[in-house]
Amino acid sequence: MKVLALSKNDYEKEVLNSDKPVLIDFWAPWCGPCRMMSPIVDEIAEENEGIKVCKVNVDEEQDLAMQFNVMSIPTLVAIKNAKVVNSVVGVKSKEEVLNLFK
């Protein structure tokens, strides 16, 4: 499945109304750890049809970043049934990210 670039305009449709669990990656192009995390997030999207994967550029979507109280990036947020079930900050392994949904 392809990674979606998420904005506040499509947040409700793509996240709150999603029939699948959603992983949101809060990132910025200038963030080194975010660039390290990006291929892992992309792999999760490709290998897990049951998870919708979205990325939020915090420079372009400050309202969404504030809504999730993002203070450091990368921040990964796991959402099920429109509720945050877990989150983590920093570079993590694919297994650690997938465990956010358990």
PDB file of N, CA and C in Angstrom:
ATOM      1  N   MET A   1       0.833  -1.180   0.000  1.00  0.00           N
ATOM      2  CA  MET A   1       0.000   0.000   0.000  1.00  0.00           C
ATOM      3  C   MET A   1       0.880   1.247   0.000  1.00  0.00           C
ATOM      4  N   LYS A   2       0.432   2.268  -0.651  1.00  0.00           N
ATOM      5  CA  LYS A   2       1.195   3.496  -0.777  1.00  0.00           C
ATOM      6  C   LYS A   2       1.085   4.356   0.491  1.00  0.00           C
ATOM      7  N   VAL A   3       2.145   5.091   0.796  1.00  0.00           N
ATOM      8  CA  VAL A   3       2.134   6.022   1.920  1.00  0.00           C
ATOM      9  C   VAL A   3       1.375   7.282   1.498  1.00  0.00           C
ATOM     10  N   LEU A   4       0.456   7.723   2.344  1.00  0.00           N
ATOM     11  CA  LEU A   4      -0.333   8.922   2.060  1.00  0.00           C
ATOM     12  C   LEU A   4       0.294  10.136   2.722  1.00  0.00           C
ATOM     13  N   ALA A   5       0.364  11.239   1.998  1.00  0.00           N
ATOM     14  CA  ALA A   5       0.748  12.513   2.602  1.00  0.00           C
ATOM     15  C   ALA A   5      -0.515  13.079   3.227  1.00  0.00           C
ATOM     16  N   LEU A   6      -0.509  13.198   4.535  1.00  0.00           N
ATOM     17  CA  LEU A   6      -1.712  13.572   5.273  1.00  0.00           C
ATOM     18  C   LEU A   6      -1.731  15.063   5.570  1.00  0.00           C
ATOM     19  N   SER A   7      -2.905  15.670   5.391  1.00  0.00           N
ATOM     20  CA  SER A   7      -3.086  17.074   5.750  1.00  0.00           C
ATOM     21  C   SER A   7      -4.301  17.183   6.666  1.00  0.00           C
ATOM     22  N   LYS A   8      -4.458  18.348   7.286  1.00  0.00           N
ATOM     23  CA  LYS A   8      -5.609  18.522   8.176  1.00  0.00           C
ATOM     24  C   LYS A   8      -6.917  18.423   7.392  1.00  0.00           C
ATOM     25  N   ASN A   9      -6.874  18.723   6.095  1.00  0.00           N
ATOM     26  CA  ASN A   9      -8.087  18.675   5.269  1.00  0.00           C
ATOM     27  C   ASN A   9      -8.600  17.258   5.046  1.00  0.00           C
ATOM     28  N   ASP A  10      -7.702  16.276   4.995  1.00  0.00           N
ATOM     29  CA  ASP A  10      -8.151  14.899   4.760  1.00  0.00           C
ATOM     30  C   ASP A  10      -7.974  14.002   5.994  1.00  0.00           C
ATOM     31  N   TYR A  11      -7.641  14.611   7.139  1.00  0.00           N
ATOM     32  CA  TYR A  11      -7.438  13.853   8.373  1.00  0.00           C
ATOM     33  C   TYR A  11      -8.676  13.051   8.763  1.00  0.00           C
ATOM     34  N   GLU A  12      -9.826  13.693   8.764  1.00  0.00           N
ATOM     35  CA  GLU A  12     -11.047  12.998   9.185  1.00  0.00           C
ATOM     36  C   GLU A  12     -11.331  11.806   8.278  1.00  0.00           C
ATOM     37  N   LYS A  13     -11.257  12.024   6.972  1.00  0.00           N
ATOM     38  CA  LYS A  13     -11.555  10.949   6.010  1.00  0.00           C
ATOM     39  C   LYS A  13     -10.545   9.807   6.111  1.00  0.00           C
ATOM     40  N   GLU A  14      -9.251  10.138   6.147  1.00  0.00           N
ATOM     41  CA  GLU A  14      -8.203   9.114   6.074  1.00  0.00           C
ATOM     42  C   GLU A  14      -7.894   8.441   7.408  1.00  0.00           C
ATOM     43  N   VAL A  15      -8.099   9.144   8.514  1.00  0.00           N
ATOM     44  CA  VAL A  15      -7.729   8.595   9.819  1.00  0.00           C
ATOM     45  C   VAL A  15      -8.961   8.255  10.660  1.00  0.00           C
ATOM     46  N   LEU A  16      -9.776   9.235  10.938  1.00  0.00           N
ATOM     47  CA  LEU A  16     -10.924   8.998  11.828  1.00  0.00           C
ATOM     48  C   LEU A  16     -11.936   8.029  11.232  1.00  0.00           C
ATOM     49  N   ASN A  17     -12.107   8.067   9.914  1.00  0.00           N
ATOM     50  CA  ASN A  17     -13.073   7.189   9.255  1.00  0.00           C
ATOM     51  C   ASN A  17     -12.430   5.957   8.626  1.00  0.00           C
ATOM     52  N   SER A  18     -11.181   5.681   8.944  1.00  0.00           N
ATOM     53  CA  SER A  18     -10.483   4.536   8.367  1.00  0.00           C
ATOM     54  C   SER A  18     -10.996   3.223   8.953  1.00  0.00           C
ATOM     55  N   ASP A  19     -11.169   2.239   8.077  1.00  0.00           N
ATOM     56  CA  ASP A  19     -11.569   0.918   8.557  1.00  0.00           C
ATOM     57  C   ASP A  19     -10.352   0.072   8.928  1.00  0.00           C
ATOM     58  N   LYS A  20      -9.152   0.633   8.765  1.00  0.00           N
ATOM     59  CA  LYS A  20      -7.899  -0.060   9.103  1.00  0.00           C
ATOM     60  C   LYS A  20      -7.181   0.730  10.192  1.00  0.00           C
ATOM     61  N   PRO A  21      -6.295   0.071  10.934  1.00  0.00           N
ATOM     62  CA  PRO A  21      -5.411   0.817  11.829  1.00  0.00           C
ATOM     63  C   PRO A  21      -4.556   1.781  11.000  1.00  0.00           C
ATOM     64  N   VAL A  22      -4.191   2.910  11.597  1.00  0.00           N
ATOM     65  CA  VAL A  22      -3.433   3.938  10.888  1.00  0.00           C
ATOM     66  C   VAL A  22      -2.134   4.227  11.630  1.00  0.00           C
ATOM     67  N   LEU A  23      -1.038   4.299  10.876  1.00  0.00           N
ATOM     68  CA  LEU A  23       0.252   4.732  11.407  1.00  0.00           C
ATOM     69  C   LEU A  23       0.535   6.107  10.828  1.00  0.00           C
ATOM     70  N   ILE A  24       0.776   7.090  11.698  1.00  0.00           N
ATOM     71  CA  ILE A  24       1.126   8.429  11.241  1.00  0.00           C
ATOM     72  C   ILE A  24       2.577   8.707  11.619  1.00  0.00           C
ATOM     73  N   ASP A  25       3.351   9.105  10.621  1.00  0.00           N
ATOM     74  CA  ASP A  25       4.755   9.471  10.793  1.00  0.00           C
ATOM     75  C   ASP A  25       4.855  10.987  10.701  1.00  0.00           C
ATOM     76  N   PHE A  26       5.151  11.659  11.821  1.00  0.00           N
ATOM     77  CA  PHE A  26       5.378  13.097  11.823  1.00  0.00           C
ATOM     78  C   PHE A  26       6.862  13.327  11.554  1.00  0.00           C
ATOM     79  N   TRP A  27       7.178  14.089  10.517  1.00  0.00           N
ATOM     80  CA  TRP A  27       8.556  14.240  10.051  1.00  0.00           C
ATOM     81  C   TRP A  27       8.768  15.638   9.477  1.00  0.00           C
ATOM     82  N   ALA A  28      10.015  15.924   9.091  1.00  0.00           N
ATOM     83  CA  ALA A  28      10.362  17.142   8.353  1.00  0.00           C
ATOM     84  C   ALA A  28      11.556  16.822   7.455  1.00  0.00           C
ATOM     85  N   PRO A  29      11.644  17.477   6.298  1.00  0.00           N
ATOM     86  CA  PRO A  29      12.721  17.167   5.352  1.00  0.00           C
ATOM     87  C   PRO A  29      14.130  17.461   5.888  1.00  0.00           C
ATOM     88  N   TRP A  30      14.253  18.394   6.828  1.00  0.00           N
ATOM     89  CA  TRP A  30      15.555  18.779   7.366  1.00  0.00           C
ATOM     90  C   TRP A  30      16.002  17.887   8.538  1.00  0.00           C
ATOM     91  N   CYS A  31      15.155  16.946   8.944  1.00  0.00           N
ATOM     92  CA  CYS A  31      15.399  16.117  10.135  1.00  0.00           C
ATOM     93  C   CYS A  31      16.157  14.843   9.760  1.00  0.00           C
ATOM     94  N   GLY A  32      17.395  14.725  10.219  1.00  0.00           N
ATOM     95  CA  GLY A  32      18.214  13.550   9.925  1.00  0.00           C
ATOM     96  C   GLY A  32      17.600  12.239  10.397  1.00  0.00           C
ATOM     97  N   PRO A  33      17.182  12.150  11.672  1.00  0.00           N
ATOM     98  CA  PRO A  33      16.548  10.913  12.136  1.00  0.00           C
ATOM     99  C   PRO A  33      15.279  10.569  11.342  1.00  0.00           C
ATOM    100  N   CYS A  34      14.553  11.602  10.889  1.00  0.00           N
ATOM    101  CA  CYS A  34      13.352  11.353  10.068  1.00  0.00           C
ATOM    102  C   CYS A  34      13.734  10.672   8.758  1.00  0.00           C
ATOM    103  N   ARG A  35      14.834  11.115   8.166  1.00  0.00           N
ATOM    104  CA  ARG A  35      15.302  10.508   6.910  1.00  0.00           C
ATOM    105  C   ARG A  35      15.740   9.064   7.144  1.00  0.00           C
ATOM    106  N   MET A  36      16.259   8.766   8.334  1.00  0.00           N
ATOM    107  CA  MET A  36      16.630   7.387   8.663  1.00  0.00           C
ATOM    108  C   MET A  36      15.381   6.525   8.852  1.00  0.00           C
ATOM    109  N   MET A  37      14.327   7.108   9.381  1.00  0.00           N
ATOM    110  CA  MET A  37      13.093   6.382   9.672  1.00  0.00           C
ATOM    111  C   MET A  37      12.251   6.161   8.417  1.00  0.00           C
ATOM    112  N   SER A  38      12.369   7.033   7.448  1.00  0.00           N
ATOM    113  CA  SER A  38      11.507   7.011   6.263  1.00  0.00           C
ATOM    114  C   SER A  38      11.488   5.676   5.515  1.00  0.00           C
ATOM    115  N   PRO A  39      12.655   5.045   5.243  1.00  0.00           N
ATOM    116  CA  PRO A  39      12.599   3.755   4.536  1.00  0.00           C
ATOM    117  C   PRO A  39      11.892   2.661   5.339  1.00  0.00           C
ATOM    118  N   ILE A  40      11.990   2.725   6.661  1.00  0.00           N
ATOM    119  CA  ILE A  40      11.320   1.740   7.517  1.00  0.00           C
ATOM    120  C   ILE A  40       9.806   1.924   7.424  1.00  0.00           C
ATOM    121  N   VAL A  41       9.366   3.171   7.474  1.00  0.00           N
ATOM    122  CA  VAL A  41       7.934   3.477   7.359  1.00  0.00           C
ATOM    123  C   VAL A  41       7.424   3.039   5.981  1.00  0.00           C
ATOM    124  N   ASP A  42       8.216   3.303   4.945  1.00  0.00           N
ATOM    125  CA  ASP A  42       7.825   2.889   3.587  1.00  0.00           C
ATOM    126  C   ASP A  42       7.693   1.371   3.487  1.00  0.00           C
ATOM    127  N   GLU A  43       8.626   0.648   4.112  1.00  0.00           N
ATOM    128  CA  GLU A  43       8.559  -0.823   4.116  1.00  0.00           C
ATOM    129  C   GLU A  43       7.299  -1.319   4.808  1.00  0.00           C
ATOM    130  N   ILE A  44       6.971  -0.711   5.925  1.00  0.00           N
ATOM    131  CA  ILE A  44       5.757  -1.102   6.654  1.00  0.00           C
ATOM    132  C   ILE A  44       4.537  -0.915   5.755  1.00  0.00           C
ATOM    133  N   ALA A  45       4.495   0.184   5.024  1.00  0.00           N
ATOM    134  CA  ALA A  45       3.365   0.449   4.130  1.00  0.00           C
ATOM    135  C   ALA A  45       3.275  -0.613   3.034  1.00  0.00           C
ATOM    136  N   GLU A  46       4.417  -0.980   2.473  1.00  0.00           N
ATOM    137  CA  GLU A  46       4.442  -1.958   1.376  1.00  0.00           C
ATOM    138  C   GLU A  46       4.093  -3.365   1.842  1.00  0.00           C
ATOM    139  N   GLU A  47       4.517  -3.725   3.043  1.00  0.00           N
ATOM    140  CA  GLU A  47       4.406  -5.108   3.510  1.00  0.00           C
ATOM    141  C   GLU A  47       3.145  -5.391   4.326  1.00  0.00           C
ATOM    142  N   ASN A  48       2.404  -4.368   4.710  1.00  0.00           N
ATOM    143  CA  ASN A  48       1.259  -4.556   5.609  1.00  0.00           C
ATOM    144  C   ASN A  48      -0.001  -3.921   5.034  1.00  0.00           C
ATOM    145  N   GLU A  49      -0.713  -4.695   4.230  1.00  0.00           N
ATOM    146  CA  GLU A  49      -1.948  -4.205   3.615  1.00  0.00           C
ATOM    147  C   GLU A  49      -2.992  -3.812   4.653  1.00  0.00           C
ATOM    148  N   GLY A  50      -2.897  -4.384   5.846  1.00  0.00           N
ATOM    149  CA  GLY A  50      -3.883  -4.122   6.881  1.00  0.00           C
ATOM    150  C   GLY A  50      -3.655  -2.841   7.672  1.00  0.00           C
ATOM    151  N   ILE A  51      -2.586  -2.089   7.341  1.00  0.00           N
ATOM    152  CA  ILE A  51      -2.289  -0.844   8.047  1.00  0.00           C
ATOM    153  C   ILE A  51      -2.226   0.286   7.029  1.00  0.00           C
ATOM    154  N   LYS A  52      -2.946   1.364   7.303  1.00  0.00           N
ATOM    155  CA  LYS A  52      -2.844   2.564   6.460  1.00  0.00           C
ATOM    156  C   LYS A  52      -1.699   3.401   7.026  1.00  0.00           C
ATOM    157  N   VAL A  53      -0.751   3.774   6.169  1.00  0.00           N
ATOM    158  CA  VAL A  53       0.418   4.527   6.621  1.00  0.00           C
ATOM    159  C   VAL A  53       0.366   5.945   6.038  1.00  0.00           C
ATOM    160  N   CYS A  54       0.493   6.928   6.916  1.00  0.00           N
ATOM    161  CA  CYS A  54       0.437   8.332   6.517  1.00  0.00           C
ATOM    162  C   CYS A  54       1.670   9.062   7.042  1.00  0.00           C
ATOM    163  N   LYS A  55       2.075  10.085   6.301  1.00  0.00           N
ATOM    164  CA  LYS A  55       3.172  10.944   6.751  1.00  0.00           C
ATOM    165  C   LYS A  55       2.664  12.370   6.838  1.00  0.00           C
ATOM    166  N   VAL A  56       3.097  13.058   7.886  1.00  0.00           N
ATOM    167  CA  VAL A  56       2.729  14.453   8.091  1.00  0.00           C
ATOM    168  C   VAL A  56       4.015  15.275   8.177  1.00  0.00           C
ATOM    169  N   ASN A  57       4.182  16.188   7.219  1.00  0.00           N
ATOM    170  CA  ASN A  57       5.302  17.124   7.251  1.00  0.00           C
ATOM    171  C   ASN A  57       4.950  18.208   8.267  1.00  0.00           C
ATOM    172  N   VAL A  58       5.655  18.243   9.388  1.00  0.00           N
ATOM    173  CA  VAL A  58       5.299  19.149  10.479  1.00  0.00           C
ATOM    174  C   VAL A  58       5.471  20.622  10.094  1.00  0.00           C
ATOM    175  N   ASP A  59       6.321  20.910   9.123  1.00  0.00           N
ATOM    176  CA  ASP A  59       6.486  22.293   8.672  1.00  0.00           C
ATOM    177  C   ASP A  59       5.252  22.770   7.912  1.00  0.00           C
ATOM    178  N   GLU A  60       4.618  21.867   7.184  1.00  0.00           N
ATOM    179  CA  GLU A  60       3.454  22.221   6.370  1.00  0.00           C
ATOM    180  C   GLU A  60       2.134  22.025   7.117  1.00  0.00           C
ATOM    181  N   GLU A  61       2.121  21.163   8.112  1.00  0.00           N
ATOM    182  CA  GLU A  61       0.883  20.818   8.835  1.00  0.00           C
ATOM    183  C   GLU A  61       1.060  21.020  10.338  1.00  0.00           C
ATOM    184  N   GLN A  62       1.325  22.263  10.714  1.00  0.00           N
ATOM    185  CA  GLN A  62       1.582  22.558  12.123  1.00  0.00           C
ATOM    186  C   GLN A  62       0.355  22.297  12.999  1.00  0.00           C
ATOM    187  N   ASP A  63      -0.846  22.503  12.447  1.00  0.00           N
ATOM    188  CA  ASP A  63      -2.066  22.258  13.232  1.00  0.00           C
ATOM    189  C   ASP A  63      -2.183  20.789  13.644  1.00  0.00           C
ATOM    190  N   LEU A  64      -1.893  19.887  12.703  1.00  0.00           N
ATOM    191  CA  LEU A  64      -1.955  18.455  13.022  1.00  0.00           C
ATOM    192  C   LEU A  64      -0.879  18.083  14.035  1.00  0.00           C
ATOM    193  N   ALA A  65       0.318  18.638  13.864  1.00  0.00           N
ATOM    194  CA  ALA A  65       1.399  18.359  14.818  1.00  0.00           C
ATOM    195  C   ALA A  65       1.006  18.834  16.220  1.00  0.00           C
ATOM    196  N   MET A  66       0.371  19.988  16.313  1.00  0.00           N
ATOM    197  CA  MET A  66      -0.069  20.503  17.615  1.00  0.00           C
ATOM    198  C   MET A  66      -1.194  19.639  18.181  1.00  0.00           C
ATOM    199  N   GLN A  67      -2.085  19.172  17.325  1.00  0.00           N
ATOM    200  CA  GLN A  67      -3.193  18.323  17.772  1.00  0.00           C
ATOM    201  C   GLN A  67      -2.671  17.063  18.465  1.00  0.00           C
ATOM    202  N   PHE A  68      -1.533  16.540  17.983  1.00  0.00           N
ATOM    203  CA  PHE A  68      -0.941  15.329  18.557  1.00  0.00           C
ATOM    204  C   PHE A  68       0.176  15.643  19.548  1.00  0.00           C
ATOM    205  N   ASN A  69       0.331  16.921  19.914  1.00  0.00           N
ATOM    206  CA  ASN A  69       1.365  17.349  20.868  1.00  0.00           C
ATOM    207  C   ASN A  69       2.755  16.876  20.459  1.00  0.00           C
ATOM    208  N   VAL A  70       3.064  16.958  19.177  1.00  0.00           N
ATOM    209  CA  VAL A  70       4.378  16.542  18.683  1.00  0.00           C
ATOM    210  C   VAL A  70       5.407  17.587  19.099  1.00  0.00           C
ATOM    211  N   MET A  71       6.358  17.161  19.924  1.00  0.00           N
ATOM    212  CA  MET A  71       7.405  18.055  20.414  1.00  0.00           C
ATOM    213  C   MET A  71       8.749  17.745  19.765  1.00  0.00           C
ATOM    214  N   SER A  72       8.948  16.493  19.371  1.00  0.00           N
ATOM    215  CA  SER A  72      10.183  16.048  18.734  1.00  0.00           C
ATOM    216  C   SER A  72       9.806  15.162  17.555  1.00  0.00           C
ATOM    217  N   ILE A  73      10.676  15.145  16.565  1.00  0.00           N
ATOM    218  CA  ILE A  73      10.444  14.274  15.410  1.00  0.00           C
ATOM    219  C   ILE A  73      11.675  13.425  15.167  1.00  0.00           C
ATOM    220  N   PRO A  74      11.496  12.240  14.580  1.00  0.00           N
ATOM    221  CA  PRO A  74      10.232  11.668  14.149  1.00  0.00           C
ATOM    222  C   PRO A  74       9.375  11.190  15.320  1.00  0.00           C
ATOM    223  N   THR A  75       8.072  11.419  15.187  1.00  0.00           N
ATOM    224  CA  THR A  75       7.082  10.866  16.115  1.00  0.00           C
ATOM    225  C   THR A  75       6.170   9.963  15.306  1.00  0.00           C
ATOM    226  N   LEU A  76       5.975   8.747  15.793  1.00  0.00           N
ATOM    227  CA  LEU A  76       5.080   7.794  15.137  1.00  0.00           C
ATOM    228  C   LEU A  76       3.893   7.549  16.048  1.00  0.00           C
ATOM    229  N   VAL A  77       2.688   7.642  15.475  1.00  0.00           N
ATOM    230  CA  VAL A  77       1.462   7.483  16.247  1.00  0.00           C
ATOM    231  C   VAL A  77       0.643   6.348  15.635  1.00  0.00           C
ATOM    232  N   ALA A  78       0.214   5.409  16.470  1.00  0.00           N
ATOM    233  CA  ALA A  78      -0.642   4.299  16.040  1.00  0.00           C
ATOM    234  C   ALA A  78      -2.074   4.593  16.464  1.00  0.00           C
ATOM    235  N   ILE A  79      -2.999   4.479  15.500  1.00  0.00           N
ATOM    236  CA  ILE A  79      -4.408   4.780  15.754  1.00  0.00           C
ATOM    237  C   ILE A  79      -5.262   3.592  15.321  1.00  0.00           C
ATOM    238  N   LYS A  80      -6.175   3.202  16.206  1.00  0.00           N
ATOM    239  CA  LYS A  80      -7.161   2.157  15.891  1.00  0.00           C
ATOM    240  C   LYS A  80      -8.528   2.689  16.257  1.00  0.00           C
ATOM    241  N   ASN A  81      -9.493   2.500  15.363  1.00  0.00           N
ATOM    242  CA  ASN A  81     -10.865   2.943  15.625  1.00  0.00           C
ATOM    243  C   ASN A  81     -10.918   4.406  16.074  1.00  0.00           C
ATOM    244  N   ALA A  82     -10.156   5.252  15.373  1.00  0.00           N
ATOM    245  CA  ALA A  82     -10.128   6.707  15.607  1.00  0.00           C
ATOM    246  C   ALA A  82      -9.537   7.101  16.959  1.00  0.00           C
ATOM    247  N   LYS A  83      -8.858   6.166  17.650  1.00  0.00           N
ATOM    248  CA  LYS A  83      -8.248   6.475  18.944  1.00  0.00           C
ATOM    249  C   LYS A  83      -6.757   6.156  18.915  1.00  0.00           C
ATOM    250  N   VAL A  84      -5.962   7.038  19.504  1.00  0.00           N
ATOM    251  CA  VAL A  84      -4.527   6.804  19.620  1.00  0.00           C
ATOM    252  C   VAL A  84      -4.316   5.654  20.591  1.00  0.00           C
ATOM    253  N   VAL A  85      -3.627   4.609  20.128  1.00  0.00           N
ATOM    254  CA  VAL A  85      -3.359   3.460  21.002  1.00  0.00           C
ATOM    255  C   VAL A  85      -1.909   3.436  21.477  1.00  0.00           C
ATOM    256  N   ASN A  86      -1.028   4.158  20.769  1.00  0.00           N
ATOM    257  CA  ASN A  86       0.379   4.155  21.130  1.00  0.00           C
ATOM    258  C   ASN A  86       1.113   5.218  20.336  1.00  0.00           C
ATOM    259  N   SER A  87       2.266   5.628  20.846  1.00  0.00           N
ATOM    260  CA  SER A  87       3.133   6.532  20.083  1.00  0.00           C
ATOM    261  C   SER A  87       4.562   6.358  20.569  1.00  0.00           C
ATOM    262  N   VAL A  88       5.483   6.776  19.720  1.00  0.00           N
ATOM    263  CA  VAL A  88       6.900   6.644  20.044  1.00  0.00           C
ATOM    264  C   VAL A  88       7.649   7.771  19.336  1.00  0.00           C
ATOM    265  N   VAL A  89       8.751   8.207  19.954  1.00  0.00           N
ATOM    266  CA  VAL A  89       9.573   9.276  19.390  1.00  0.00           C
ATOM    267  C   VAL A  89      10.956   8.721  19.096  1.00  0.00           C
ATOM    268  N   GLY A  90      11.506   9.092  17.939  1.00  0.00           N
ATOM    269  CA  GLY A  90      12.866   8.699  17.588  1.00  0.00           C
ATOM    270  C   GLY A  90      12.893   7.574  16.580  1.00  0.00           C
ATOM    271  N   VAL A  91      14.107   7.196  16.198  1.00  0.00           N
ATOM    272  CA  VAL A  91      14.305   6.135  15.213  1.00  0.00           C
ATOM    273  C   VAL A  91      14.078   4.787  15.891  1.00  0.00           C
ATOM    274  N   LYS A  92      13.212   3.982  15.294  1.00  0.00           N
ATOM    275  CA  LYS A  92      12.867   2.672  15.838  1.00  0.00           C
ATOM    276  C   LYS A  92      12.977   1.624  14.735  1.00  0.00           C
ATOM    277  N   SER A  93      13.096   0.366  15.140  1.00  0.00           N
ATOM    278  CA  SER A  93      13.128  -0.727  14.170  1.00  0.00           C
ATOM    279  C   SER A  93      11.717  -0.976  13.644  1.00  0.00           C
ATOM    280  N   LYS A  94      11.636  -1.690  12.532  1.00  0.00           N
ATOM    281  CA  LYS A  94      10.337  -2.033  11.962  1.00  0.00           C
ATOM    282  C   LYS A  94       9.506  -2.805  12.987  1.00  0.00           C
ATOM    283  N   GLU A  95      10.129  -3.739  13.686  1.00  0.00           N
ATOM    284  CA  GLU A  95       9.427  -4.544  14.681  1.00  0.00           C
ATOM    285  C   GLU A  95       8.865  -3.659  15.798  1.00  0.00           C
ATOM    286  N   GLU A  96       9.664  -2.701  16.262  1.00  0.00           N
ATOM    287  CA  GLU A  96       9.200  -1.794  17.329  1.00  0.00           C
ATOM    288  C   GLU A  96       7.998  -0.975  16.863  1.00  0.00           C
ATOM    289  N   VAL A  97       8.029  -0.534  15.613  1.00  0.00           N
ATOM    290  CA  VAL A  97       6.914   0.253  15.076  1.00  0.00           C
ATOM    291  C   VAL A  97       5.665  -0.608  14.969  1.00  0.00           C
ATOM    292  N   LEU A  98       5.808  -1.819  14.437  1.00  0.00           N
ATOM    293  CA  LEU A  98       4.651  -2.703  14.297  1.00  0.00           C
ATOM    294  C   LEU A  98       4.070  -3.088  15.667  1.00  0.00           C
ATOM    295  N   ASN A  99       4.923  -3.155  16.685  1.00  0.00           N
ATOM    296  CA  ASN A  99       4.458  -3.486  18.037  1.00  0.00           C
ATOM    297  C   ASN A  99       3.589  -2.376  18.649  1.00  0.00           C
ATOM    298  N   LEU A 100       3.602  -1.187  18.051  1.00  0.00           N
ATOM    299  CA  LEU A 100       2.739  -0.112  18.536  1.00  0.00           C
ATOM    300  C   LEU A 100       1.271  -0.494  18.432  1.00  0.00           C
ATOM    301  N   PHE A 101       0.950  -1.412  17.536  1.00  0.00           N
ATOM    302  CA  PHE A 101      -0.439  -1.812  17.307  1.00  0.00           C
ATOM    303  C   PHE A 101      -0.867  -2.985  18.184  1.00  0.00           C
ATOM    304  N   LYS A 102       0.058  -3.553  18.965  1.00  0.00           N
ATOM    305  CA  LYS A 102      -0.273  -4.726  19.789  1.00  0.00           C
ATOM    306  C   LYS A 102      -0.738  -4.328  21.167  1.00  0.00           C
TER     307      LYS A 102
END
